[in-house]
Amino acid sequence: MSWQTYVDDHLMCEIENGHHLSSAAILGLDGSVWAQSSAFPTFKPEEITAIMKDFDEPGSLAPTGLHLGGAKYMVIQGEPGAVVRGKKVNYRSFS
């Protein structure tokens, strides 16, 4: 099975109560893209550098958040040194 098949058939499936991931990607430790969903944002080199740093220094993304394609994600439930997961931050105004 290819990494692209894994993303398409296993990561983009239903996760709970009819919810689905909106996008997913698998990157190598060198920052190269192995596979990604069609909706995965175009990222900047500095965003990938920050992710790679989090593998070497787990928790380094927590204070600032994970950024991909200019969007901010809250770092959630990862496996230190193995997996980084994020959830998009939706800002709302309250009056």
PDB file of N, CA and C in Angstrom:
ATOM      1  N   MET A   1       0.858  -1.174   0.000  1.00  0.00           N
ATOM      2  CA  MET A   1       0.000   0.000   0.000  1.00  0.00           C
ATOM      3  C   MET A   1       0.902   1.235   0.000  1.00  0.00           C
ATOM      4  N   SER A   2       0.519   2.224  -0.788  1.00  0.00           N
ATOM      5  CA  SER A   2       1.285   3.467  -0.834  1.00  0.00           C
ATOM      6  C   SER A   2       0.836   4.399   0.287  1.00  0.00           C
ATOM      7  N   TRP A   3       1.675   5.395   0.579  1.00  0.00           N
ATOM      8  CA  TRP A   3       1.308   6.384   1.600  1.00  0.00           C
ATOM      9  C   TRP A   3       0.094   7.179   1.141  1.00  0.00           C
ATOM     10  N   GLN A   4      -0.032   7.433  -0.162  1.00  0.00           N
ATOM     11  CA  GLN A   4      -1.193   8.174  -0.654  1.00  0.00           C
ATOM     12  C   GLN A   4      -2.472   7.373  -0.424  1.00  0.00           C
ATOM     13  N   THR A   5      -2.426   6.079  -0.659  1.00  0.00           N
ATOM     14  CA  THR A   5      -3.580   5.220  -0.392  1.00  0.00           C
ATOM     15  C   THR A   5      -3.927   5.242   1.089  1.00  0.00           C
ATOM     16  N   TYR A   6      -2.901   5.242   1.942  1.00  0.00           N
ATOM     17  CA  TYR A   6      -3.141   5.289   3.381  1.00  0.00           C
ATOM     18  C   TYR A   6      -3.871   6.578   3.761  1.00  0.00           C
ATOM     19  N   VAL A   7      -3.421   7.720   3.226  1.00  0.00           N
ATOM     20  CA  VAL A   7      -4.089   9.000   3.507  1.00  0.00           C
ATOM     21  C   VAL A   7      -5.531   8.951   3.003  1.00  0.00           C
ATOM     22  N   ASP A   8      -5.693   8.561   1.743  1.00  0.00           N
ATOM     23  CA  ASP A   8      -7.029   8.584   1.127  1.00  0.00           C
ATOM     24  C   ASP A   8      -8.016   7.607   1.762  1.00  0.00           C
ATOM     25  N   ASP A   9      -7.558   6.404   2.063  1.00  0.00           N
ATOM     26  CA  ASP A   9      -8.472   5.354   2.522  1.00  0.00           C
ATOM     27  C   ASP A   9      -8.562   5.194   4.036  1.00  0.00           C
ATOM     28  N   HIS A  10      -7.551   5.651   4.760  1.00  0.00           N
ATOM     29  CA  HIS A  10      -7.548   5.421   6.205  1.00  0.00           C
ATOM     30  C   HIS A  10      -7.613   6.708   7.031  1.00  0.00           C
ATOM     31  N   LEU A  11      -6.906   7.737   6.628  1.00  0.00           N
ATOM     32  CA  LEU A  11      -6.947   8.976   7.414  1.00  0.00           C
ATOM     33  C   LEU A  11      -8.169   9.825   7.100  1.00  0.00           C
ATOM     34  N   MET A  12      -8.654   9.782   5.869  1.00  0.00           N
ATOM     35  CA  MET A  12      -9.783  10.617   5.482  1.00  0.00           C
ATOM     36  C   MET A  12     -11.128   9.910   5.674  1.00  0.00           C
ATOM     37  N   CYS A  13     -11.161   8.899   6.518  1.00  0.00           N
ATOM     38  CA  CYS A  13     -12.398   8.176   6.790  1.00  0.00           C
ATOM     39  C   CYS A  13     -13.156   8.842   7.944  1.00  0.00           C
ATOM     40  N   GLU A  14     -14.339   8.343   8.238  1.00  0.00           N
ATOM     41  CA  GLU A  14     -15.128   8.862   9.355  1.00  0.00           C
ATOM     42  C   GLU A  14     -14.376   8.604  10.658  1.00  0.00           C
ATOM     43  N   ILE A  15     -14.295   9.643  11.527  1.00  0.00           N
ATOM     44  CA  ILE A  15     -13.582   9.461  12.788  1.00  0.00           C
ATOM     45  C   ILE A  15     -14.528   9.275  13.967  1.00  0.00           C
ATOM     46  N   GLU A  16     -15.664   9.937  13.973  1.00  0.00           N
ATOM     47  CA  GLU A  16     -16.675   9.707  15.010  1.00  0.00           C
ATOM     48  C   GLU A  16     -17.921  10.518  14.700  1.00  0.00           C
ATOM     49  N   ASN A  17     -19.055   9.955  14.978  1.00  0.00           N
ATOM     50  CA  ASN A  17     -20.350  10.626  14.824  1.00  0.00           C
ATOM     51  C   ASN A  17     -20.503  11.360  13.494  1.00  0.00           C
ATOM     52  N   GLY A  18     -20.052  10.764  12.420  1.00  0.00           N
ATOM     53  CA  GLY A  18     -20.199  11.375  11.105  1.00  0.00           C
ATOM     54  C   GLY A  18     -19.167  12.441  10.773  1.00  0.00           C
ATOM     55  N   HIS A  19     -18.226  12.683  11.675  1.00  0.00           N
ATOM     56  CA  HIS A  19     -17.181  13.678  11.421  1.00  0.00           C
ATOM     57  C   HIS A  19     -16.037  13.066  10.622  1.00  0.00           C
ATOM     58  N   HIS A  20     -15.440  13.886   9.780  1.00  0.00           N
ATOM     59  CA  HIS A  20     -14.298  13.469   8.977  1.00  0.00           C
ATOM     60  C   HIS A  20     -13.175  14.489   9.129  1.00  0.00           C
ATOM     61  N   LEU A  21     -11.937  14.046   8.960  1.00  0.00           N
ATOM     62  CA  LEU A  21     -10.836  14.990   8.887  1.00  0.00           C
ATOM     63  C   LEU A  21     -11.037  15.844   7.642  1.00  0.00           C
ATOM     64  N   SER A  22     -10.644  17.104   7.699  1.00  0.00           N
ATOM     65  CA  SER A  22     -10.769  17.951   6.515  1.00  0.00           C
ATOM     66  C   SER A  22      -9.550  17.811   5.617  1.00  0.00           C
ATOM     67  N   SER A  23      -8.402  17.456   6.190  1.00  0.00           N
ATOM     68  CA  SER A  23      -7.201  17.240   5.395  1.00  0.00           C
ATOM     69  C   SER A  23      -6.174  16.489   6.232  1.00  0.00           C
ATOM     70  N   ALA A  24      -5.218  15.880   5.530  1.00  0.00           N
ATOM     71  CA  ALA A  24      -4.169  15.112   6.207  1.00  0.00           C
ATOM     72  C   ALA A  24      -2.954  15.039   5.291  1.00  0.00           C
ATOM     73  N   ALA A  25      -1.779  14.869   5.899  1.00  0.00           N
ATOM     74  CA  ALA A  25      -0.550  14.704   5.125  1.00  0.00           C
ATOM     75  C   ALA A  25       0.427  13.854   5.908  1.00  0.00           C
ATOM     76  N   ILE A  26       1.318  13.214   5.185  1.00  0.00           N
ATOM     77  CA  ILE A  26       2.429  12.478   5.780  1.00  0.00           C
ATOM     78  C   ILE A  26       3.695  13.075   5.187  1.00  0.00           C
ATOM     79  N   LEU A  27       4.570  13.547   6.066  1.00  0.00           N
ATOM     80  CA  LEU A  27       5.829  14.147   5.640  1.00  0.00           C
ATOM     81  C   LEU A  27       6.989  13.338   6.188  1.00  0.00           C
ATOM     82  N   GLY A  28       8.075  13.314   5.444  1.00  0.00           N
ATOM     83  CA  GLY A  28       9.283  12.660   5.915  1.00  0.00           C
ATOM     84  C   GLY A  28      10.014  13.542   6.906  1.00  0.00           C
ATOM     85  N   LEU A  29      10.945  12.975   7.634  1.00  0.00           N
ATOM     86  CA  LEU A  29      11.713  13.752   8.613  1.00  0.00           C
ATOM     87  C   LEU A  29      12.562  14.830   7.960  1.00  0.00           C
ATOM     88  N   ASP A  30      12.755  14.746   6.654  1.00  0.00           N
ATOM     89  CA  ASP A  30      13.486  15.789   5.935  1.00  0.00           C
ATOM     90  C   ASP A  30      12.565  16.898   5.445  1.00  0.00           C
ATOM     91  N   GLY A  31      11.255  16.793   5.744  1.00  0.00           N
ATOM     92  CA  GLY A  31      10.291  17.799   5.338  1.00  0.00           C
ATOM     93  C   GLY A  31       9.646  17.529   3.990  1.00  0.00           C
ATOM     94  N   SER A  32      10.023  16.445   3.320  1.00  0.00           N
ATOM     95  CA  SER A  32       9.429  16.130   2.026  1.00  0.00           C
ATOM     96  C   SER A  32       8.020  15.563   2.212  1.00  0.00           C
ATOM     97  N   VAL A  33       7.146  15.858   1.268  1.00  0.00           N
ATOM     98  CA  VAL A  33       5.763  15.384   1.324  1.00  0.00           C
ATOM     99  C   VAL A  33       5.694  13.996   0.719  1.00  0.00           C
ATOM    100  N   TRP A  34       5.253  13.035   1.520  1.00  0.00           N
ATOM    101  CA  TRP A  34       5.092  11.660   1.040  1.00  0.00           C
ATOM    102  C   TRP A  34       3.700  11.457   0.463  1.00  0.00           C
ATOM    103  N   ALA A  35       2.708  12.067   1.100  1.00  0.00           N
ATOM    104  CA  ALA A  35       1.319  11.949   0.637  1.00  0.00           C
ATOM    105  C   ALA A  35       0.510  13.051   1.306  1.00  0.00           C
ATOM    106  N   GLN A  36      -0.549  13.490   0.627  1.00  0.00           N
ATOM    107  CA  GLN A  36      -1.429  14.488   1.232  1.00  0.00           C
ATOM    108  C   GLN A  36      -2.793  14.432   0.579  1.00  0.00           C
ATOM    109  N   SER A  37      -3.800  14.853   1.347  1.00  0.00           N
ATOM    110  CA  SER A  37      -5.154  14.916   0.799  1.00  0.00           C
ATOM    111  C   SER A  37      -5.240  16.126  -0.120  1.00  0.00           C
ATOM    112  N   SER A  38      -6.233  16.125  -0.984  1.00  0.00           N
ATOM    113  CA  SER A  38      -6.380  17.217  -1.948  1.00  0.00           C
ATOM    114  C   SER A  38      -6.628  18.560  -1.275  1.00  0.00           C
ATOM    115  N   ALA A  39      -7.224  18.562  -0.095  1.00  0.00           N
ATOM    116  CA  ALA A  39      -7.536  19.807   0.603  1.00  0.00           C
ATOM    117  C   ALA A  39      -6.419  20.271   1.540  1.00  0.00           C
ATOM    118  N   PHE A  40      -5.294  19.534   1.580  1.00  0.00           N
ATOM    119  CA  PHE A  40      -4.227  19.936   2.495  1.00  0.00           C
ATOM    120  C   PHE A  40      -3.651  21.267   2.032  1.00  0.00           C
ATOM    121  N   PRO A  41      -3.464  22.228   2.948  1.00  0.00           N
ATOM    122  CA  PRO A  41      -3.004  23.559   2.548  1.00  0.00           C
ATOM    123  C   PRO A  41      -1.565  23.561   2.034  1.00  0.00           C
ATOM    124  N   THR A  42      -1.274  24.513   1.160  1.00  0.00           N
ATOM    125  CA  THR A  42       0.094  24.711   0.699  1.00  0.00           C
ATOM    126  C   THR A  42       0.861  25.353   1.844  1.00  0.00           C
ATOM    127  N   PHE A  43       1.960  24.739   2.230  1.00  0.00           N
ATOM    128  CA  PHE A  43       2.685  25.239   3.387  1.00  0.00           C
ATOM    129  C   PHE A  43       3.979  25.920   2.988  1.00  0.00           C
ATOM    130  N   LYS A  44       4.502  26.705   3.929  1.00  0.00           N
ATOM    131  CA  LYS A  44       5.744  27.443   3.735  1.00  0.00           C
ATOM    132  C   LYS A  44       6.890  26.658   4.367  1.00  0.00           C
ATOM    133  N   PRO A  45       8.103  26.814   3.840  1.00  0.00           N
ATOM    134  CA  PRO A  45       9.250  26.097   4.403  1.00  0.00           C
ATOM    135  C   PRO A  45       9.434  26.324   5.904  1.00  0.00           C
ATOM    136  N   GLU A  46       9.199  27.536   6.382  1.00  0.00           N
ATOM    137  CA  GLU A  46       9.374  27.805   7.817  1.00  0.00           C
ATOM    138  C   GLU A  46       8.336  27.082   8.670  1.00  0.00           C
ATOM    139  N   GLU A  47       7.165  26.809   8.094  1.00  0.00           N
ATOM    140  CA  GLU A  47       6.149  26.051   8.822  1.00  0.00           C
ATOM    141  C   GLU A  47       6.605  24.601   9.001  1.00  0.00           C
ATOM    142  N   ILE A  48       7.202  24.034   7.964  1.00  0.00           N
ATOM    143  CA  ILE A  48       7.710  22.667   8.047  1.00  0.00           C
ATOM    144  C   ILE A  48       8.906  22.610   8.995  1.00  0.00           C
ATOM    145  N   THR A  49       9.754  23.627   8.970  1.00  0.00           N
ATOM    146  CA  THR A  49      10.899  23.683   9.891  1.00  0.00           C
ATOM    147  C   THR A  49      10.423  23.655  11.339  1.00  0.00           C
ATOM    148  N   ALA A  50       9.352  24.394  11.646  1.00  0.00           N
ATOM    149  CA  ALA A  50       8.810  24.412  13.011  1.00  0.00           C
ATOM    150  C   ALA A  50       8.273  23.044  13.409  1.00  0.00           C
ATOM    151  N   ILE A  51       7.644  22.350  12.461  1.00  0.00           N
ATOM    152  CA  ILE A  51       7.133  21.000  12.745  1.00  0.00           C
ATOM    153  C   ILE A  51       8.295  20.056  13.017  1.00  0.00           C
ATOM    154  N   MET A  52       9.322  20.141  12.190  1.00  0.00           N
ATOM    155  CA  MET A  52      10.484  19.268  12.359  1.00  0.00           C
ATOM    156  C   MET A  52      11.151  19.526  13.721  1.00  0.00           C
ATOM    157  N   LYS A  53      11.173  20.785  14.142  1.00  0.00           N
ATOM    158  CA  LYS A  53      11.738  21.119  15.456  1.00  0.00           C
ATOM    159  C   LYS A  53      10.944  20.445  16.575  1.00  0.00           C
ATOM    160  N   ASP A  54       9.614  20.353  16.398  1.00  0.00           N
ATOM    161  CA  ASP A  54       8.781  19.739  17.428  1.00  0.00           C
ATOM    162  C   ASP A  54       9.096  18.249  17.592  1.00  0.00           C
ATOM    163  N   PHE A  55       9.588  17.607  16.549  1.00  0.00           N
ATOM    164  CA  PHE A  55      10.003  16.205  16.685  1.00  0.00           C
ATOM    165  C   PHE A  55      11.265  16.106  17.530  1.00  0.00           C
ATOM    166  N   ASP A  56      12.181  17.079  17.369  1.00  0.00           N
ATOM    167  CA  ASP A  56      13.419  17.088  18.153  1.00  0.00           C
ATOM    168  C   ASP A  56      13.206  17.624  19.563  1.00  0.00           C
ATOM    169  N   GLU A  57      12.291  18.582  19.683  1.00  0.00           N
ATOM    170  CA  GLU A  57      11.990  19.212  20.971  1.00  0.00           C
ATOM    171  C   GLU A  57      10.483  19.168  21.195  1.00  0.00           C
ATOM    172  N   PRO A  58       9.937  17.994  21.591  1.00  0.00           N
ATOM    173  CA  PRO A  58       8.480  17.877  21.763  1.00  0.00           C
ATOM    174  C   PRO A  58       7.919  18.977  22.653  1.00  0.00           C
ATOM    175  N   GLY A  59       6.819  19.550  22.203  1.00  0.00           N
ATOM    176  CA  GLY A  59       6.173  20.618  22.950  1.00  0.00           C
ATOM    177  C   GLY A  59       6.547  22.002  22.469  1.00  0.00           C
ATOM    178  N   SER A  60       7.506  22.106  21.537  1.00  0.00           N
ATOM    179  CA  SER A  60       7.943  23.432  21.083  1.00  0.00           C
ATOM    180  C   SER A  60       6.850  24.170  20.313  1.00  0.00           C
ATOM    181  N   LEU A  61       5.904  23.456  19.725  1.00  0.00           N
ATOM    182  CA  LEU A  61       4.808  24.107  18.999  1.00  0.00           C
ATOM    183  C   LEU A  61       3.664  24.549  19.910  1.00  0.00           C
ATOM    184  N   ALA A  62       3.564  23.949  21.068  1.00  0.00           N
ATOM    185  CA  ALA A  62       2.414  24.221  21.949  1.00  0.00           C
ATOM    186  C   ALA A  62       2.221  25.705  22.265  1.00  0.00           C
ATOM    187  N   PRO A  63       3.260  26.460  22.615  1.00  0.00           N
ATOM    188  CA  PRO A  63       3.037  27.868  22.968  1.00  0.00           C
ATOM    189  C   PRO A  63       2.572  28.739  21.801  1.00  0.00           C
ATOM    190  N   THR A  64       3.033  28.453  20.593  1.00  0.00           N
ATOM    191  CA  THR A  64       2.720  29.306  19.445  1.00  0.00           C
ATOM    192  C   THR A  64       1.670  28.714  18.528  1.00  0.00           C
ATOM    193  N   GLY A  65       1.458  27.417  18.624  1.00  0.00           N
ATOM    194  CA  GLY A  65       0.540  26.727  17.732  1.00  0.00           C
ATOM    195  C   GLY A  65       1.256  26.217  16.498  1.00  0.00           C
ATOM    196  N   LEU A  66       0.558  25.405  15.756  1.00  0.00           N
ATOM    197  CA  LEU A  66       1.038  24.827  14.508  1.00  0.00           C
ATOM    198  C   LEU A  66       0.491  25.688  13.379  1.00  0.00           C
ATOM    199  N   HIS A  67       1.335  26.098  12.464  1.00  0.00           N
ATOM    200  CA  HIS A  67       0.895  26.923  11.341  1.00  0.00           C
ATOM    201  C   HIS A  67       1.115  26.171  10.039  1.00  0.00           C
ATOM    202  N   LEU A  68       0.082  26.130   9.200  1.00  0.00           N
ATOM    203  CA  LEU A  68       0.155  25.512   7.873  1.00  0.00           C
ATOM    204  C   LEU A  68      -0.609  26.383   6.889  1.00  0.00           C
ATOM    205  N   GLY A  69       0.048  26.770   5.828  1.00  0.00           N
ATOM    206  CA  GLY A  69      -0.607  27.606   4.831  1.00  0.00           C
ATOM    207  C   GLY A  69      -1.094  28.916   5.407  1.00  0.00           C
ATOM    208  N   GLY A  70      -0.414  29.409   6.437  1.00  0.00           N
ATOM    209  CA  GLY A  70      -0.789  30.662   7.074  1.00  0.00           C
ATOM    210  C   GLY A  70      -1.911  30.540   8.093  1.00  0.00           C
ATOM    211  N   ALA A  71      -2.529  29.376   8.216  1.00  0.00           N
ATOM    212  CA  ALA A  71      -3.603  29.171   9.194  1.00  0.00           C
ATOM    213  C   ALA A  71      -3.009  28.606  10.481  1.00  0.00           C
ATOM    214  N   LYS A  72      -3.597  28.992  11.596  1.00  0.00           N
ATOM    215  CA  LYS A  72      -3.120  28.530  12.896  1.00  0.00           C
ATOM    216  C   LYS A  72      -3.942  27.337  13.365  1.00  0.00           C
ATOM    217  N   TYR A  73      -3.226  26.345  13.903  1.00  0.00           N
ATOM    218  CA  TYR A  73      -3.840  25.145  14.452  1.00  0.00           C
ATOM    219  C   TYR A  73      -3.361  24.958  15.885  1.00  0.00           C
ATOM    220  N   MET A  74      -4.260  24.522  16.732  1.00  0.00           N
ATOM    221  CA  MET A  74      -3.923  24.184  18.106  1.00  0.00           C
ATOM    222  C   MET A  74      -3.318  22.779  18.081  1.00  0.00           C
ATOM    223  N   VAL A  75      -2.196  22.584  18.761  1.00  0.00           N
ATOM    224  CA  VAL A  75      -1.558  21.272  18.808  1.00  0.00           C
ATOM    225  C   VAL A  75      -2.347  20.394  19.776  1.00  0.00           C
ATOM    226  N   ILE A  76      -2.747  19.216  19.305  1.00  0.00           N
ATOM    227  CA  ILE A  76      -3.545  18.299  20.125  1.00  0.00           C
ATOM    228  C   ILE A  76      -2.969  16.897  20.073  1.00  0.00           C
ATOM    229  N   GLN A  77      -3.156  16.131  21.084  1.00  0.00           N
ATOM    230  CA  GLN A  77      -2.990  14.687  21.175  1.00  0.00           C
ATOM    231  C   GLN A  77      -1.970  14.081  20.210  1.00  0.00           C
ATOM    232  N   GLY A  78      -0.750  14.549  20.245  1.00  0.00           N
ATOM    233  CA  GLY A  78       0.273  13.940  19.407  1.00  0.00           C
ATOM    234  C   GLY A  78       1.026  12.861  20.164  1.00  0.00           C
ATOM    235  N   GLU A  79       1.972  12.272  19.507  1.00  0.00           N
ATOM    236  CA  GLU A  79       2.877  11.323  20.140  1.00  0.00           C
ATOM    237  C   GLU A  79       4.254  11.961  20.071  1.00  0.00           C
ATOM    238  N   PRO A  80       4.781  12.451  21.196  1.00  0.00           N
ATOM    239  CA  PRO A  80       6.052  13.157  21.178  1.00  0.00           C
ATOM    240  C   PRO A  80       7.128  12.416  20.381  1.00  0.00           C
ATOM    241  N   GLY A  81       7.725  13.133  19.438  1.00  0.00           N
ATOM    242  CA  GLY A  81       8.773  12.555  18.621  1.00  0.00           C
ATOM    243  C   GLY A  81       8.284  11.676  17.493  1.00  0.00           C
ATOM    244  N   ALA A  82       6.936  11.505  17.354  1.00  0.00           N
ATOM    245  CA  ALA A  82       6.418  10.602  16.324  1.00  0.00           C
ATOM    246  C   ALA A  82       5.287  11.212  15.488  1.00  0.00           C
ATOM    247  N   VAL A  83       4.322  11.872  16.128  1.00  0.00           N
ATOM    248  CA  VAL A  83       3.151  12.396  15.432  1.00  0.00           C
ATOM    249  C   VAL A  83       2.815  13.780  15.973  1.00  0.00           C
ATOM    250  N   VAL A  84       2.530  14.710  15.061  1.00  0.00           N
ATOM    251  CA  VAL A  84       2.029  16.034  15.443  1.00  0.00           C
ATOM    252  C   VAL A  84       0.627  16.147  14.865  1.00  0.00           C
ATOM    253  N   ARG A  85      -0.331  16.477  15.713  1.00  0.00           N
ATOM    254  CA  ARG A  85      -1.710  16.650  15.265  1.00  0.00           C
ATOM    255  C   ARG A  85      -2.152  18.060  15.629  1.00  0.00           C
ATOM    256  N   GLY A  86      -3.012  18.618  14.788  1.00  0.00           N
ATOM    257  CA  GLY A  86      -3.519  19.950  15.069  1.00  0.00           C
ATOM    258  C   GLY A  86      -4.987  20.076  14.731  1.00  0.00           C
ATOM    259  N   LYS A  87      -5.627  21.020  15.384  1.00  0.00           N
ATOM    260  CA  LYS A  87      -7.031  21.331  15.122  1.00  0.00           C
ATOM    261  C   LYS A  87      -7.097  22.814  14.806  1.00  0.00           C
ATOM    262  N   LYS A  88      -7.773  23.162  13.718  1.00  0.00           N
ATOM    263  CA  LYS A  88      -7.823  24.551  13.280  1.00  0.00           C
ATOM    264  C   LYS A  88      -8.460  25.432  14.351  1.00  0.00           C
ATOM    265  N   VAL A  89      -7.847  26.568  14.565  1.00  0.00           N
ATOM    266  CA  VAL A  89      -8.338  27.535  15.534  1.00  0.00           C
ATOM    267  C   VAL A  89      -9.306  28.456  14.814  1.00  0.00           C
ATOM    268  N   ASN A  90     -10.526  28.532  15.303  1.00  0.00           N
ATOM    269  CA  ASN A  90     -11.525  29.449  14.742  1.00  0.00           C
ATOM    270  C   ASN A  90     -11.691  30.609  15.718  1.00  0.00           C
ATOM    271  N   TYR A  91     -11.325  31.785  15.256  1.00  0.00           N
ATOM    272  CA  TYR A  91     -11.448  32.974  16.097  1.00  0.00           C
ATOM    273  C   TYR A  91     -12.835  33.558  15.927  1.00  0.00           C
ATOM    274  N   ARG A  92     -13.424  33.945  17.051  1.00  0.00           N
ATOM    275  CA  ARG A  92     -14.753  34.569  17.013  1.00  0.00           C
ATOM    276  C   ARG A  92     -14.708  35.821  17.865  1.00  0.00           C
ATOM    277  N   SER A  93     -15.461  36.809  17.465  1.00  0.00           N
ATOM    278  CA  SER A  93     -15.574  38.032  18.249  1.00  0.00           C
ATOM    279  C   SER A  93     -16.722  37.909  19.212  1.00  0.00           C
ATOM    280  N   PHE A  94     -16.506  38.352  20.421  1.00  0.00           N
ATOM    281  CA  PHE A  94     -17.566  38.371  21.416  1.00  0.00           C
ATOM    282  C   PHE A  94     -17.771  39.790  21.873  1.00  0.00           C
ATOM    283  N   SER A  95     -19.011  40.217  21.926  1.00  0.00           N
ATOM    284  CA  SER A  95     -19.299  41.565  22.373  1.00  0.00           C
ATOM    285  C   SER A  95     -19.985  41.537  23.714  1.00  0.00           C
TER     286      SER A  95
END
